[in-house]
Amino acid sequence: MPNAVRFILARLTLLFAATGLMASFGQTVSGDERLKGIACRSVHLGYAQKDPCTQFANEVVVRSSAPGSYFMVCGWDKGYFGIQELADGKKLILFSVWDSEQNDPGAVEEDRRVRLLYKDPAVRVGRFGGEGTGGQSFFDFDWQLDTSYRFAVAVRPDGKRSEYSGFFYHPDDHAWRHLITFSTVTGGNDSLKGLYTFVEDFRRNRESTKQRREALFGPAWSRSGDQAWKPLLDARFTADANPVENIRAEAIGERLMLATGGDAAIGPVALRGMLNSEPSKSIPEDLPLPTFSNDKE
């Protein structure tokens, strides 16, 4: 299957998962069953989003990882943001936004491409292809197991484009760090849609299927403008077309767990079932995000 087609199908799967449409489409829109025995099955949580929002914040605690893992924490219909362990064991933070069209990187007209508006000095940026096209950014960060990390995404319209900013709460600084702002052509979208998370094995070398990848997500929050933060408590458990069954999802207190590969096994929540986390006791005092004031400096 061509990479471009595989990407579009996979992206549809994630969007349907996030919006609850997966139950209607089953798994027929997804990736490629030939991944059986080659890669761990990709597993997702699509949050039940009751109101439009301009900001989405979430946390992750990785319990077990392996080379070639992506723990995506804040995803929406135009991009995704999370942490990776590369094939060589290096760890980093990845934030990506898609072009308005999914073509070869060189075929997208300049005025239709993702634009860089701001980046932290330590962030590297570039373009990607092979699975759609767009802008991507990398921030080297040696994240650790069993440690909570917090991420947030914010959007604001800019004419026919939308600006998407990624923030990371740096544990050393005890403060939010504005890593990146990209803009892409959307027609002026002013909200984040299809909020979701996932765990993915991108090494896909057969041996990777024997290694468990597991993470806790949440508490998750959303808000519009400067309104009060609202908890995202409910999410649907979905997966790609890889037919293997060593996957798992369950609610653990105020967090939701996803696992795939190795000794993972279907637990109390069946595929396409809903998970319900407990409400957080309080909104963290430092949850409000930095402003967009330095986006274009």
C-alpha atoms as a PDB file:
ATOM      1  CA  MET A   1       0.000   0.000   0.000  1.00  0.00           C
ATOM      2  CA  PRO A   2       1.519   3.419  -0.945  1.00  0.00           C
ATOM      3  CA  ASN A   3       2.663   5.528   1.991  1.00  0.00           C
ATOM      4  CA  ALA A   4       0.350   8.407   1.114  1.00  0.00           C
ATOM      5  CA  VAL A   5      -2.713   6.122   1.056  1.00  0.00           C
ATOM      6  CA  ARG A   6      -1.662   4.413   4.273  1.00  0.00           C
ATOM      7  CA  PHE A   7      -1.264   7.801   5.927  1.00  0.00           C
ATOM      8  CA  ILE A   8      -4.692   9.041   4.879  1.00  0.00           C
ATOM      9  CA  LEU A   9      -6.350   5.855   6.105  1.00  0.00           C
ATOM     10  CA  ALA A  10      -4.458   5.967   9.381  1.00  0.00           C
ATOM     11  CA  ARG A  11      -5.321   9.605   9.888  1.00  0.00           C
ATOM     12  CA  LEU A  12      -9.000   8.866   9.230  1.00  0.00           C
ATOM     13  CA  THR A  13      -8.804   6.100  11.812  1.00  0.00           C
ATOM     14  CA  LEU A  14      -7.449   8.490  14.440  1.00  0.00           C
ATOM     15  CA  LEU A  15     -10.013  11.151  13.612  1.00  0.00           C
ATOM     16  CA  PHE A  16     -12.882   8.660  13.738  1.00  0.00           C
ATOM     17  CA  ALA A  17     -11.512   7.301  17.002  1.00  0.00           C
ATOM     18  CA  ALA A  18     -11.348  10.754  18.516  1.00  0.00           C
ATOM     19  CA  THR A  19     -14.855  11.719  17.440  1.00  0.00           C
ATOM     20  CA  GLY A  20     -16.514   8.420  18.324  1.00  0.00           C
ATOM     21  CA  LEU A  21     -17.204   7.418  14.706  1.00  0.00           C
ATOM     22  CA  MET A  22     -15.030   4.305  14.844  1.00  0.00           C
ATOM     23  CA  ALA A  23     -17.945   2.251  16.147  1.00  0.00           C
ATOM     24  CA  SER A  24     -19.817   2.926  12.917  1.00  0.00           C
ATOM     25  CA  PHE A  25     -16.925   2.310  10.557  1.00  0.00           C
ATOM     26  CA  GLY A  26     -15.432  -0.624  12.445  1.00  0.00           C
ATOM     27  CA  GLN A  27     -11.794  -1.103  11.472  1.00  0.00           C
ATOM     28  CA  THR A  28     -12.201  -0.972   7.707  1.00  0.00           C
ATOM     29  CA  VAL A  29     -10.772   2.558   7.378  1.00  0.00           C
ATOM     30  CA  SER A  30      -7.518   1.744   9.048  1.00  0.00           C
ATOM     31  CA  GLY A  31      -3.909   0.962   8.248  1.00  0.00           C
ATOM     32  CA  ASP A  32      -2.660  -2.446   7.146  1.00  0.00           C
ATOM     33  CA  GLU A  33      -3.238  -5.909   8.608  1.00  0.00           C
ATOM     34  CA  ARG A  34       0.137  -6.925   7.232  1.00  0.00           C
ATOM     35  CA  LEU A  35       1.617  -5.321  10.372  1.00  0.00           C
ATOM     36  CA  LYS A  36       0.675  -8.461  12.303  1.00  0.00           C
ATOM     37  CA  GLY A  37       3.861  -9.947  13.718  1.00  0.00           C
ATOM     38  CA  ILE A  38       5.860  -6.912  12.604  1.00  0.00           C
ATOM     39  CA  ALA A  39       4.609  -4.080  14.810  1.00  0.00           C
ATOM     40  CA  CYS A  40       2.666  -3.588  17.997  1.00  0.00           C
ATOM     41  CA  ARG A  41      -0.891  -2.528  17.378  1.00  0.00           C
ATOM     42  CA  SER A  42      -1.431   1.239  17.623  1.00  0.00           C
ATOM     43  CA  VAL A  43      -3.951   2.071  20.356  1.00  0.00           C
ATOM     44  CA  HIS A  44      -5.825   5.340  20.860  1.00  0.00           C
ATOM     45  CA  LEU A  45      -8.090   7.212  23.262  1.00  0.00           C
ATOM     46  CA  GLY A  46     -10.597   9.595  21.655  1.00  0.00           C
ATOM     47  CA  TYR A  47     -11.869  12.065  24.248  1.00  0.00           C
ATOM     48  CA  ALA A  48     -15.585  12.814  24.522  1.00  0.00           C
ATOM     49  CA  GLN A  49     -15.458  16.535  23.801  1.00  0.00           C
ATOM     50  CA  LYS A  50     -18.700  18.299  24.748  1.00  0.00           C
ATOM     51  CA  ASP A  51     -17.729  21.891  23.950  1.00  0.00           C
ATOM     52  CA  PRO A  52     -15.455  23.629  21.429  1.00  0.00           C
ATOM     53  CA  CYS A  53     -12.095  24.540  22.927  1.00  0.00           C
ATOM     54  CA  THR A  54      -9.050  26.624  22.099  1.00  0.00           C
ATOM     55  CA  GLN A  55      -6.712  24.974  24.623  1.00  0.00           C
ATOM     56  CA  PHE A  56      -6.081  21.317  25.450  1.00  0.00           C
ATOM     57  CA  ALA A  57      -3.821  20.176  28.303  1.00  0.00           C
ATOM     58  CA  ASN A  58      -2.883  16.630  29.222  1.00  0.00           C
ATOM     59  CA  GLU A  59      -0.325  14.625  31.200  1.00  0.00           C
ATOM     60  CA  VAL A  60       1.532  11.389  30.531  1.00  0.00           C
ATOM     61  CA  VAL A  61       3.326   8.878  32.733  1.00  0.00           C
ATOM     62  CA  VAL A  62       5.189   6.241  30.728  1.00  0.00           C
ATOM     63  CA  ARG A  63       5.329   2.956  32.594  1.00  0.00           C
ATOM     64  CA  SER A  64       7.195   0.905  30.018  1.00  0.00           C
ATOM     65  CA  SER A  65       8.820   1.820  26.725  1.00  0.00           C
ATOM     66  CA  ALA A  66      11.106   0.431  24.037  1.00  0.00           C
ATOM     67  CA  PRO A  67      13.129   1.827  21.125  1.00  0.00           C
ATOM     68  CA  GLY A  68      10.771   3.095  18.447  1.00  0.00           C
ATOM     69  CA  SER A  69       7.924   4.276  20.699  1.00  0.00           C
ATOM     70  CA  TYR A  70       5.673   7.307  20.433  1.00  0.00           C
ATOM     71  CA  PHE A  71       3.472   8.330  23.361  1.00  0.00           C
ATOM     72  CA  MET A  72       1.282  11.013  21.825  1.00  0.00           C
ATOM     73  CA  VAL A  73      -0.258  13.181  24.546  1.00  0.00           C
ATOM     74  CA  CYS A  74      -2.151  16.039  22.865  1.00  0.00           C
ATOM     75  CA  GLY A  75      -3.606  15.241  19.453  1.00  0.00           C
ATOM     76  CA  TRP A  76      -6.220  17.039  17.406  1.00  0.00           C
ATOM     77  CA  ASP A  77      -7.421  16.984  13.803  1.00  0.00           C
ATOM     78  CA  LYS A  78      -4.492  19.075  12.498  1.00  0.00           C
ATOM     79  CA  GLY A  79      -1.532  17.756  14.485  1.00  0.00           C
ATOM     80  CA  TYR A  80      -0.051  15.939  17.440  1.00  0.00           C
ATOM     81  CA  PHE A  81       2.318  16.497  20.366  1.00  0.00           C
ATOM     82  CA  GLY A  82       4.090  14.009  22.619  1.00  0.00           C
ATOM     83  CA  ILE A  83       7.270  12.140  23.528  1.00  0.00           C
ATOM     84  CA  GLN A  84       9.309   9.585  21.620  1.00  0.00           C
ATOM     85  CA  GLU A  85      12.019   7.045  22.233  1.00  0.00           C
ATOM     86  CA  LEU A  86      13.943   6.657  18.985  1.00  0.00           C
ATOM     87  CA  ALA A  87      15.429   3.431  17.636  1.00  0.00           C
ATOM     88  CA  ASP A  88      18.809   4.316  19.158  1.00  0.00           C
ATOM     89  CA  GLY A  89      17.272   5.039  22.578  1.00  0.00           C
ATOM     90  CA  LYS A  90      17.448   8.824  22.281  1.00  0.00           C
ATOM     91  CA  LYS A  91      14.431  10.621  23.772  1.00  0.00           C
ATOM     92  CA  LEU A  92      12.727  13.784  22.601  1.00  0.00           C
ATOM     93  CA  ILE A  93       9.521  15.792  22.319  1.00  0.00           C
ATOM     94  CA  LEU A  94       7.798  15.959  18.914  1.00  0.00           C
ATOM     95  CA  PHE A  95       5.224  18.528  17.751  1.00  0.00           C
ATOM     96  CA  SER A  96       3.850  18.263  14.201  1.00  0.00           C
ATOM     97  CA  VAL A  97       1.201  20.073  12.147  1.00  0.00           C
ATOM     98  CA  TRP A  98      -0.099  18.927   8.748  1.00  0.00           C
ATOM     99  CA  ASP A  99      -0.269  20.903   5.551  1.00  0.00           C
ATOM    100  CA  SER A 100      -3.725  21.650   4.144  1.00  0.00           C
ATOM    101  CA  GLU A 101      -3.099  18.987   1.467  1.00  0.00           C
ATOM    102  CA  GLN A 102      -1.344  15.660   1.922  1.00  0.00           C
ATOM    103  CA  ASN A 103       1.118  15.468  -0.959  1.00  0.00           C
ATOM    104  CA  ASP A 104       4.793  15.041  -1.611  1.00  0.00           C
ATOM    105  CA  PRO A 105       6.675  17.690   0.466  1.00  0.00           C
ATOM    106  CA  GLY A 106       7.979  19.392  -2.662  1.00  0.00           C
ATOM    107  CA  ALA A 107       4.601  19.369  -4.402  1.00  0.00           C
ATOM    108  CA  VAL A 108       2.737  21.520  -1.869  1.00  0.00           C
ATOM    109  CA  GLU A 109       2.656  25.117  -3.001  1.00  0.00           C
ATOM    110  CA  GLU A 110       4.591  27.470  -0.749  1.00  0.00           C
ATOM    111  CA  ASP A 111       1.540  29.461   0.344  1.00  0.00           C
ATOM    112  CA  ARG A 112      -0.262  26.228   1.316  1.00  0.00           C
ATOM    113  CA  ARG A 113       2.531  24.867   3.517  1.00  0.00           C
ATOM    114  CA  VAL A 114       2.855  24.937   7.265  1.00  0.00           C
ATOM    115  CA  ARG A 115       4.671  28.090   8.376  1.00  0.00           C
ATOM    116  CA  LEU A 116       6.974  28.502  11.348  1.00  0.00           C
ATOM    117  CA  LEU A 117       5.971  31.502  13.474  1.00  0.00           C
ATOM    118  CA  TYR A 118       7.987  30.875  16.626  1.00  0.00           C
ATOM    119  CA  LYS A 119      10.384  28.348  18.095  1.00  0.00           C
ATOM    120  CA  ASP A 120      12.333  28.016  21.311  1.00  0.00           C
ATOM    121  CA  PRO A 121      16.088  28.366  20.627  1.00  0.00           C
ATOM    122  CA  ALA A 122      16.611  24.706  21.591  1.00  0.00           C
ATOM    123  CA  VAL A 123      13.992  23.421  19.149  1.00  0.00           C
ATOM    124  CA  ARG A 124      14.871  22.003  15.718  1.00  0.00           C
ATOM    125  CA  VAL A 125      12.345  22.264  12.885  1.00  0.00           C
ATOM    126  CA  GLY A 126      11.869  20.719   9.473  1.00  0.00           C
ATOM    127  CA  ARG A 127       9.348  19.265   7.065  1.00  0.00           C
ATOM    128  CA  PHE A 128       8.156  15.703   6.809  1.00  0.00           C
ATOM    129  CA  GLY A 129       6.764  13.521   4.049  1.00  0.00           C
ATOM    130  CA  GLY A 130       5.984   9.888   3.353  1.00  0.00           C
ATOM    131  CA  GLU A 131       2.922   9.917   5.623  1.00  0.00           C
ATOM    132  CA  GLY A 132       1.347  13.143   4.530  1.00  0.00           C
ATOM    133  CA  THR A 133       3.276  16.408   4.674  1.00  0.00           C
ATOM    134  CA  GLY A 134       3.727  19.229   7.113  1.00  0.00           C
ATOM    135  CA  GLY A 135       5.983  20.915   9.636  1.00  0.00           C
ATOM    136  CA  GLN A 136       7.620  19.133  12.543  1.00  0.00           C
ATOM    137  CA  SER A 137       9.727  20.185  15.501  1.00  0.00           C
ATOM    138  CA  PHE A 138      12.021  18.372  17.921  1.00  0.00           C
ATOM    139  CA  PHE A 139      13.099  19.241  21.456  1.00  0.00           C
ATOM    140  CA  ASP A 140      15.678  16.928  22.998  1.00  0.00           C
ATOM    141  CA  PHE A 141      14.483  15.862  26.435  1.00  0.00           C
ATOM    142  CA  ASP A 142      15.626  12.780  28.337  1.00  0.00           C
ATOM    143  CA  TRP A 143      12.252  11.870  29.835  1.00  0.00           C
ATOM    144  CA  GLN A 144      12.103   9.086  32.403  1.00  0.00           C
ATOM    145  CA  LEU A 145       9.744   6.240  33.226  1.00  0.00           C
ATOM    146  CA  ASP A 146       7.185   6.634  36.032  1.00  0.00           C
ATOM    147  CA  THR A 147       7.399  10.430  35.871  1.00  0.00           C
ATOM    148  CA  SER A 148       4.524  12.752  35.023  1.00  0.00           C
ATOM    149  CA  TYR A 149       4.991  15.236  32.154  1.00  0.00           C
ATOM    150  CA  ARG A 150       2.491  17.886  31.105  1.00  0.00           C
ATOM    151  CA  PHE A 151       1.727  19.174  27.616  1.00  0.00           C
ATOM    152  CA  ALA A 152      -0.686  21.722  26.173  1.00  0.00           C
ATOM    153  CA  VAL A 153      -1.805  22.928  22.753  1.00  0.00           C
ATOM    154  CA  ALA A 154      -3.512  26.229  21.935  1.00  0.00           C
ATOM    155  CA  VAL A 155      -5.070  27.587  18.743  1.00  0.00           C
ATOM    156  CA  ARG A 156      -6.043  30.987  17.415  1.00  0.00           C
ATOM    157  CA  PRO A 157      -7.270  31.954  13.928  1.00  0.00           C
ATOM    158  CA  ASP A 158      -5.213  34.140  11.608  1.00  0.00           C
ATOM    159  CA  GLY A 159      -7.151  34.942   8.449  1.00  0.00           C
ATOM    160  CA  LYS A 160      -7.431  31.766   6.377  1.00  0.00           C
ATOM    161  CA  ARG A 161      -4.889  30.064   8.621  1.00  0.00           C
ATOM    162  CA  SER A 162      -4.840  28.778  12.179  1.00  0.00           C
ATOM    163  CA  GLU A 163      -1.890  29.092  14.533  1.00  0.00           C
ATOM    164  CA  TYR A 164      -1.103  26.091  16.754  1.00  0.00           C
ATOM    165  CA  SER A 165       1.246  26.498  19.717  1.00  0.00           C
ATOM    166  CA  GLY A 166       2.821  23.737  21.784  1.00  0.00           C
ATOM    167  CA  PHE A 167       3.730  24.191  25.458  1.00  0.00           C
ATOM    168  CA  PHE A 168       5.664  21.837  27.742  1.00  0.00           C
ATOM    169  CA  TYR A 169       5.824  22.132  31.529  1.00  0.00           C
ATOM    170  CA  HIS A 170       9.559  21.742  32.088  1.00  0.00           C
ATOM    171  CA  PRO A 171      10.205  19.980  35.413  1.00  0.00           C
ATOM    172  CA  ASP A 172      13.602  21.652  35.863  1.00  0.00           C
ATOM    173  CA  ASP A 173      12.228  25.157  35.377  1.00  0.00           C
ATOM    174  CA  HIS A 174       8.907  24.479  37.179  1.00  0.00           C
ATOM    175  CA  ALA A 175       7.251  26.549  34.456  1.00  0.00           C
ATOM    176  CA  TRP A 176       5.531  26.219  31.088  1.00  0.00           C
ATOM    177  CA  ARG A 177       7.927  26.493  28.158  1.00  0.00           C
ATOM    178  CA  HIS A 178       6.622  27.682  24.802  1.00  0.00           C
ATOM    179  CA  LEU A 179       8.345  25.347  22.344  1.00  0.00           C
ATOM    180  CA  ILE A 180       6.781  26.058  18.969  1.00  0.00           C
ATOM    181  CA  THR A 181       4.067  27.786  16.941  1.00  0.00           C
ATOM    182  CA  PHE A 182       3.138  26.616  13.436  1.00  0.00           C
ATOM    183  CA  SER A 183       0.336  27.894  11.225  1.00  0.00           C
ATOM    184  CA  THR A 184      -1.487  25.978   8.518  1.00  0.00           C
ATOM    185  CA  VAL A 185      -4.304  26.730   6.077  1.00  0.00           C
ATOM    186  CA  THR A 186      -7.658  25.859   7.664  1.00  0.00           C
ATOM    187  CA  GLY A 187     -10.050  28.558   6.526  1.00  0.00           C
ATOM    188  CA  GLY A 188      -9.643  30.272   9.894  1.00  0.00           C
ATOM    189  CA  ASN A 189     -10.501  27.481  12.306  1.00  0.00           C
ATOM    190  CA  ASP A 190     -10.740  28.827  15.856  1.00  0.00           C
ATOM    191  CA  SER A 191     -11.051  25.603  17.857  1.00  0.00           C
ATOM    192  CA  LEU A 192      -9.336  22.278  18.520  1.00  0.00           C
ATOM    193  CA  LYS A 193     -11.363  19.290  17.335  1.00  0.00           C
ATOM    194  CA  GLY A 194     -11.030  15.526  17.668  1.00  0.00           C
ATOM    195  CA  LEU A 195      -8.926  15.468  20.843  1.00  0.00           C
ATOM    196  CA  TYR A 196      -7.075  12.172  21.269  1.00  0.00           C
ATOM    197  CA  THR A 197      -3.975  10.323  22.458  1.00  0.00           C
ATOM    198  CA  PHE A 198      -2.185   7.204  21.211  1.00  0.00           C
ATOM    199  CA  VAL A 199       0.663   4.770  21.773  1.00  0.00           C
ATOM    200  CA  GLU A 200       2.556   3.616  18.684  1.00  0.00           C
ATOM    201  CA  ASP A 201       5.399   1.259  17.765  1.00  0.00           C
ATOM    202  CA  PHE A 202       7.164   2.884  14.802  1.00  0.00           C
ATOM    203  CA  ARG A 203      10.220   0.639  14.805  1.00  0.00           C
ATOM    204  CA  ARG A 204       8.263  -2.277  13.305  1.00  0.00           C
ATOM    205  CA  ASN A 205      11.081  -4.807  13.165  1.00  0.00           C
ATOM    206  CA  ARG A 206       9.233  -7.867  14.513  1.00  0.00           C
ATOM    207  CA  GLU A 207      11.280  -7.835  17.722  1.00  0.00           C
ATOM    208  CA  SER A 208       9.435  -4.666  18.715  1.00  0.00           C
ATOM    209  CA  THR A 209       6.191  -6.653  19.058  1.00  0.00           C
ATOM    210  CA  LYS A 210       7.653  -8.507  22.029  1.00  0.00           C
ATOM    211  CA  GLN A 211       8.130  -5.308  24.030  1.00  0.00           C
ATOM    212  CA  ARG A 212       5.320  -3.765  26.046  1.00  0.00           C
ATOM    213  CA  ARG A 213       4.597  -0.059  25.656  1.00  0.00           C
ATOM    214  CA  GLU A 214       2.382   1.357  28.390  1.00  0.00           C
ATOM    215  CA  ALA A 215       1.429   4.842  29.562  1.00  0.00           C
ATOM    216  CA  LEU A 216      -1.049   6.630  31.798  1.00  0.00           C
ATOM    217  CA  PHE A 217      -2.748   9.709  30.340  1.00  0.00           C
ATOM    218  CA  GLY A 218      -4.444  12.474  32.283  1.00  0.00           C
ATOM    219  CA  PRO A 219      -5.871  14.320  33.983  1.00  0.00           C
ATOM    220  CA  ALA A 220      -6.904  16.006  30.737  1.00  0.00           C
ATOM    221  CA  TRP A 221      -8.440  19.476  30.499  1.00  0.00           C
ATOM    222  CA  SER A 222      -9.885  21.798  27.882  1.00  0.00           C
ATOM    223  CA  ARG A 223     -11.139  25.355  27.795  1.00  0.00           C
ATOM    224  CA  SER A 224     -12.094  28.102  25.368  1.00  0.00           C
ATOM    225  CA  GLY A 225     -10.357  31.468  25.662  1.00  0.00           C
ATOM    226  CA  ASP A 226      -9.974  32.467  29.291  1.00  0.00           C
ATOM    227  CA  GLN A 227     -13.009  30.516  30.473  1.00  0.00           C
ATOM    228  CA  ALA A 228     -12.754  27.949  33.249  1.00  0.00           C
ATOM    229  CA  TRP A 229     -10.908  24.699  32.556  1.00  0.00           C
ATOM    230  CA  LYS A 230     -13.180  21.672  32.170  1.00  0.00           C
ATOM    231  CA  PRO A 231     -12.063  18.079  32.766  1.00  0.00           C
ATOM    232  CA  LEU A 232     -12.089  15.523  29.957  1.00  0.00           C
ATOM    233  CA  LEU A 233     -13.156  12.395  31.833  1.00  0.00           C
ATOM    234  CA  ASP A 234     -14.452  10.034  29.155  1.00  0.00           C
ATOM    235  CA  ALA A 235     -12.685   8.510  26.166  1.00  0.00           C
ATOM    236  CA  ARG A 236     -13.243   5.738  23.629  1.00  0.00           C
ATOM    237  CA  PHE A 237     -10.663   2.942  23.253  1.00  0.00           C
ATOM    238  CA  THR A 238      -9.801   2.192  19.609  1.00  0.00           C
ATOM    239  CA  ALA A 239      -6.971   0.619  17.625  1.00  0.00           C
ATOM    240  CA  ASP A 240      -5.702   0.290  14.063  1.00  0.00           C
ATOM    241  CA  ALA A 241      -6.345  -2.680  11.735  1.00  0.00           C
ATOM    242  CA  ASN A 242      -3.460  -4.776  13.032  1.00  0.00           C
ATOM    243  CA  PRO A 243      -5.473  -7.788  14.305  1.00  0.00           C
ATOM    244  CA  VAL A 244      -3.271  -8.775  17.268  1.00  0.00           C
ATOM    245  CA  GLU A 245      -5.031  -8.756  20.635  1.00  0.00           C
ATOM    246  CA  ASN A 246      -2.235  -7.965  23.080  1.00  0.00           C
ATOM    247  CA  ILE A 247      -3.579  -4.469  23.783  1.00  0.00           C
ATOM    248  CA  ARG A 248      -5.182  -2.989  26.879  1.00  0.00           C
ATOM    249  CA  ALA A 249      -7.002   0.074  28.175  1.00  0.00           C
ATOM    250  CA  GLU A 250      -8.430   0.820  31.584  1.00  0.00           C
ATOM    251  CA  ALA A 251      -9.279   3.690  33.908  1.00  0.00           C
ATOM    252  CA  ILE A 252      -7.016   4.014  36.935  1.00  0.00           C
ATOM    253  CA  GLY A 253      -8.229   6.774  39.211  1.00  0.00           C
ATOM    254  CA  GLU A 254      -7.985  10.112  37.413  1.00  0.00           C
ATOM    255  CA  ARG A 255      -5.833   8.659  34.612  1.00  0.00           C
ATOM    256  CA  LEU A 256      -6.506   6.428  31.598  1.00  0.00           C
ATOM    257  CA  MET A 257      -4.063   3.651  30.704  1.00  0.00           C
ATOM    258  CA  LEU A 258      -3.075   2.418  27.245  1.00  0.00           C
ATOM    259  CA  ALA A 259      -0.803  -0.563  26.603  1.00  0.00           C
ATOM    260  CA  THR A 260       0.253  -2.527  23.539  1.00  0.00           C
ATOM    261  CA  GLY A 261       2.676  -5.321  22.708  1.00  0.00           C
ATOM    262  CA  GLY A 262       4.514  -7.853  24.810  1.00  0.00           C
ATOM    263  CA  ASP A 263       2.392  -9.305  27.597  1.00  0.00           C
ATOM    264  CA  ALA A 264      -0.428  -6.749  27.311  1.00  0.00           C
ATOM    265  CA  ALA A 265      -3.886  -8.332  27.263  1.00  0.00           C
ATOM    266  CA  ILE A 266      -7.445  -7.086  26.801  1.00  0.00           C
ATOM    267  CA  GLY A 267      -8.690  -5.911  30.193  1.00  0.00           C
ATOM    268  CA  PRO A 268     -11.925  -4.554  31.639  1.00  0.00           C
ATOM    269  CA  VAL A 269     -12.616  -2.301  28.633  1.00  0.00           C
ATOM    270  CA  ALA A 270     -13.270  -3.930  25.283  1.00  0.00           C
ATOM    271  CA  LEU A 271     -12.107  -2.395  22.018  1.00  0.00           C
ATOM    272  CA  ARG A 272     -14.347   0.544  21.089  1.00  0.00           C
ATOM    273  CA  GLY A 273     -15.586   0.685  24.680  1.00  0.00           C
ATOM    274  CA  MET A 274     -15.718   3.836  26.791  1.00  0.00           C
ATOM    275  CA  LEU A 275     -13.377   4.580  29.681  1.00  0.00           C
ATOM    276  CA  ASN A 276     -14.402   6.865  32.519  1.00  0.00           C
ATOM    277  CA  SER A 277     -11.762   8.464  34.733  1.00  0.00           C
ATOM    278  CA  GLU A 278     -12.380   9.935  38.161  1.00  0.00           C
ATOM    279  CA  PRO A 279     -12.556  13.734  38.411  1.00  0.00           C
ATOM    280  CA  SER A 280      -9.352  15.395  39.552  1.00  0.00           C
ATOM    281  CA  LYS A 281      -9.644  16.845  43.042  1.00  0.00           C
ATOM    282  CA  SER A 282      -8.559  20.282  41.852  1.00  0.00           C
ATOM    283  CA  ILE A 283      -7.264  22.165  38.823  1.00  0.00           C
ATOM    284  CA  PRO A 284      -3.494  22.618  39.123  1.00  0.00           C
ATOM    285  CA  GLU A 285      -2.726  26.225  40.034  1.00  0.00           C
ATOM    286  CA  ASP A 286      -0.178  26.540  37.251  1.00  0.00           C
ATOM    287  CA  LEU A 287      -2.376  25.118  34.470  1.00  0.00           C
ATOM    288  CA  PRO A 288      -3.135  28.465  32.749  1.00  0.00           C
ATOM    289  CA  LEU A 289      -0.878  28.706  29.698  1.00  0.00           C
ATOM    290  CA  PRO A 290       1.522  31.443  28.651  1.00  0.00           C
ATOM    291  CA  THR A 291       0.127  33.969  26.199  1.00  0.00           C
ATOM    292  CA  PHE A 292       0.849  34.051  22.478  1.00  0.00           C
ATOM    293  CA  SER A 293       2.718  37.363  22.861  1.00  0.00           C
ATOM    294  CA  ASN A 294       6.109  36.063  21.703  1.00  0.00           C
ATOM    295  CA  ASP A 295       4.874  33.850  18.840  1.00  0.00           C
ATOM    296  CA  LYS A 296       6.372  35.966  16.081  1.00  0.00           C
ATOM    297  CA  GLU A 297       9.467  37.341  17.757  1.00  0.00           C
END
